Amino acid sequence: MSINALLSTVILVSFIVTLVLAVGSYLAYKMREKRRPAPLRGDAAGGPMFFERVYPAGPARRAPDASAGD
């Protein structure tokens, strides 16, 4: 076997092993993601878990600006 054939085989095998490991890692990630428990609280849209959003009762009022009349 010549050195060219040997190096080509090494490169090909390393490429195939890399692909197999990448697919295996992706599958392990997806399996782990499915096992993750559901959040304990919070709304389904991903809202805040510990705080309640407060909205003002009416439109905000601005103080009169002295430079606005110029």
C-alpha atoms as a PDB file:
ATOM      1  CA  MET A   1       0.000   0.000   0.000  1.00  0.00           C
ATOM      2  CA  SER A   2       1.425   3.351  -0.980  1.00  0.00           C
ATOM      3  CA  ILE A   3       1.537   6.352   1.326  1.00  0.00           C
ATOM      4  CA  ASN A   4      -1.113   8.139  -0.734  1.00  0.00           C
ATOM      5  CA  ALA A   5      -3.616   5.320  -0.326  1.00  0.00           C
ATOM      6  CA  LEU A   6      -2.847   5.090   3.398  1.00  0.00           C
ATOM      7  CA  LEU A   7      -3.367   8.815   3.967  1.00  0.00           C
ATOM      8  CA  SER A   8      -6.552   8.778   1.884  1.00  0.00           C
ATOM      9  CA  THR A   9      -7.896   5.920   3.998  1.00  0.00           C
ATOM     10  CA  VAL A  10      -7.049   7.709   7.245  1.00  0.00           C
ATOM     11  CA  ILE A  11      -8.793  10.881   6.065  1.00  0.00           C
ATOM     12  CA  LEU A  12     -11.861   8.976   4.885  1.00  0.00           C
ATOM     13  CA  VAL A  13     -12.160   7.007   8.128  1.00  0.00           C
ATOM     14  CA  SER A  14     -11.739  10.112  10.276  1.00  0.00           C
ATOM     15  CA  PHE A  15     -14.427  11.899   8.235  1.00  0.00           C
ATOM     16  CA  ILE A  16     -16.886   9.008   8.663  1.00  0.00           C
ATOM     17  CA  VAL A  17     -16.175   8.766  12.395  1.00  0.00           C
ATOM     18  CA  THR A  18     -16.765  12.522  12.740  1.00  0.00           C
ATOM     19  CA  LEU A  19     -20.126  12.225  10.994  1.00  0.00           C
ATOM     20  CA  VAL A  20     -21.182   9.295  13.203  1.00  0.00           C
ATOM     21  CA  LEU A  21     -20.207  11.177  16.372  1.00  0.00           C
ATOM     22  CA  ALA A  22     -22.066  14.297  15.229  1.00  0.00           C
ATOM     23  CA  VAL A  23     -25.268  12.348  14.562  1.00  0.00           C
ATOM     24  CA  GLY A  24     -24.914  10.516  17.880  1.00  0.00           C
ATOM     25  CA  SER A  25     -24.447  13.793  19.758  1.00  0.00           C
ATOM     26  CA  TYR A  26     -27.498  15.307  18.099  1.00  0.00           C
ATOM     27  CA  LEU A  27     -29.641  12.295  18.948  1.00  0.00           C
ATOM     28  CA  ALA A  28     -28.443  12.350  22.573  1.00  0.00           C
ATOM     29  CA  TYR A  29     -29.286  16.066  22.769  1.00  0.00           C
ATOM     30  CA  LYS A  30     -32.808  15.476  21.425  1.00  0.00           C
ATOM     31  CA  MET A  31     -33.398  12.580  23.838  1.00  0.00           C
ATOM     32  CA  ARG A  32     -32.245  14.694  26.767  1.00  0.00           C
ATOM     33  CA  GLU A  33     -34.430  17.589  25.639  1.00  0.00           C
ATOM     34  CA  LYS A  34     -37.506  15.328  25.687  1.00  0.00           C
ATOM     35  CA  ARG A  35     -36.763  14.240  29.276  1.00  0.00           C
ATOM     36  CA  ARG A  36     -36.610  17.827  30.562  1.00  0.00           C
ATOM     37  CA  PRO A  37     -39.474  18.462  32.998  1.00  0.00           C
ATOM     38  CA  ALA A  38     -42.099  21.098  32.284  1.00  0.00           C
ATOM     39  CA  PRO A  39     -41.674  24.470  33.985  1.00  0.00           C
ATOM     40  CA  LEU A  40     -43.270  24.681  37.404  1.00  0.00           C
ATOM     41  CA  ARG A  41     -44.937  28.055  36.955  1.00  0.00           C
ATOM     42  CA  GLY A  42     -45.294  30.877  34.504  1.00  0.00           C
ATOM     43  CA  ASP A  43     -47.562  31.123  31.540  1.00  0.00           C
ATOM     44  CA  ALA A  44     -47.156  28.929  28.496  1.00  0.00           C
ATOM     45  CA  ALA A  45     -45.856  31.815  26.384  1.00  0.00           C
ATOM     46  CA  GLY A  46     -42.721  32.088  28.515  1.00  0.00           C
ATOM     47  CA  GLY A  47     -43.830  34.996  30.657  1.00  0.00           C
ATOM     48  CA  PRO A  48     -42.267  35.957  33.956  1.00  0.00           C
ATOM     49  CA  MET A  49     -42.205  33.246  36.598  1.00  0.00           C
ATOM     50  CA  PHE A  50     -41.836  35.260  39.800  1.00  0.00           C
ATOM     51  CA  PHE A  51     -43.176  38.727  38.989  1.00  0.00           C
ATOM     52  CA  GLU A  52     -46.511  40.055  37.872  1.00  0.00           C
ATOM     53  CA  ARG A  53     -46.520  42.696  35.165  1.00  0.00           C
ATOM     54  CA  VAL A  54     -48.162  45.973  36.219  1.00  0.00           C
ATOM     55  CA  TYR A  55     -49.628  48.348  33.638  1.00  0.00           C
ATOM     56  CA  PRO A  56     -50.424  52.017  34.318  1.00  0.00           C
ATOM     57  CA  ALA A  57     -54.110  52.900  34.692  1.00  0.00           C
ATOM     58  CA  GLY A  58     -54.136  55.661  32.080  1.00  0.00           C
ATOM     59  CA  PRO A  59     -51.918  57.492  29.603  1.00  0.00           C
ATOM     60  CA  ALA A  60     -48.725  58.932  30.992  1.00  0.00           C
ATOM     61  CA  ARG A  61     -48.810  62.669  31.712  1.00  0.00           C
ATOM     62  CA  ARG A  62     -45.770  64.784  31.012  1.00  0.00           C
ATOM     63  CA  ALA A  63     -44.882  67.915  32.923  1.00  0.00           C
ATOM     64  CA  PRO A  64     -45.014  71.070  30.804  1.00  0.00           C
ATOM     65  CA  ASP A  65     -41.638  71.790  29.265  1.00  0.00           C
ATOM     66  CA  ALA A  66     -40.428  75.408  29.366  1.00  0.00           C
ATOM     67  CA  SER A  67     -38.600  75.106  26.034  1.00  0.00           C
ATOM     68  CA  ALA A  68     -41.653  73.717  24.197  1.00  0.00           C
ATOM     69  CA  GLY A  69     -43.157  77.192  23.630  1.00  0.00           C
ATOM     70  CA  ASP A  70     -40.135  78.525  21.730  1.00  0.00           C
END
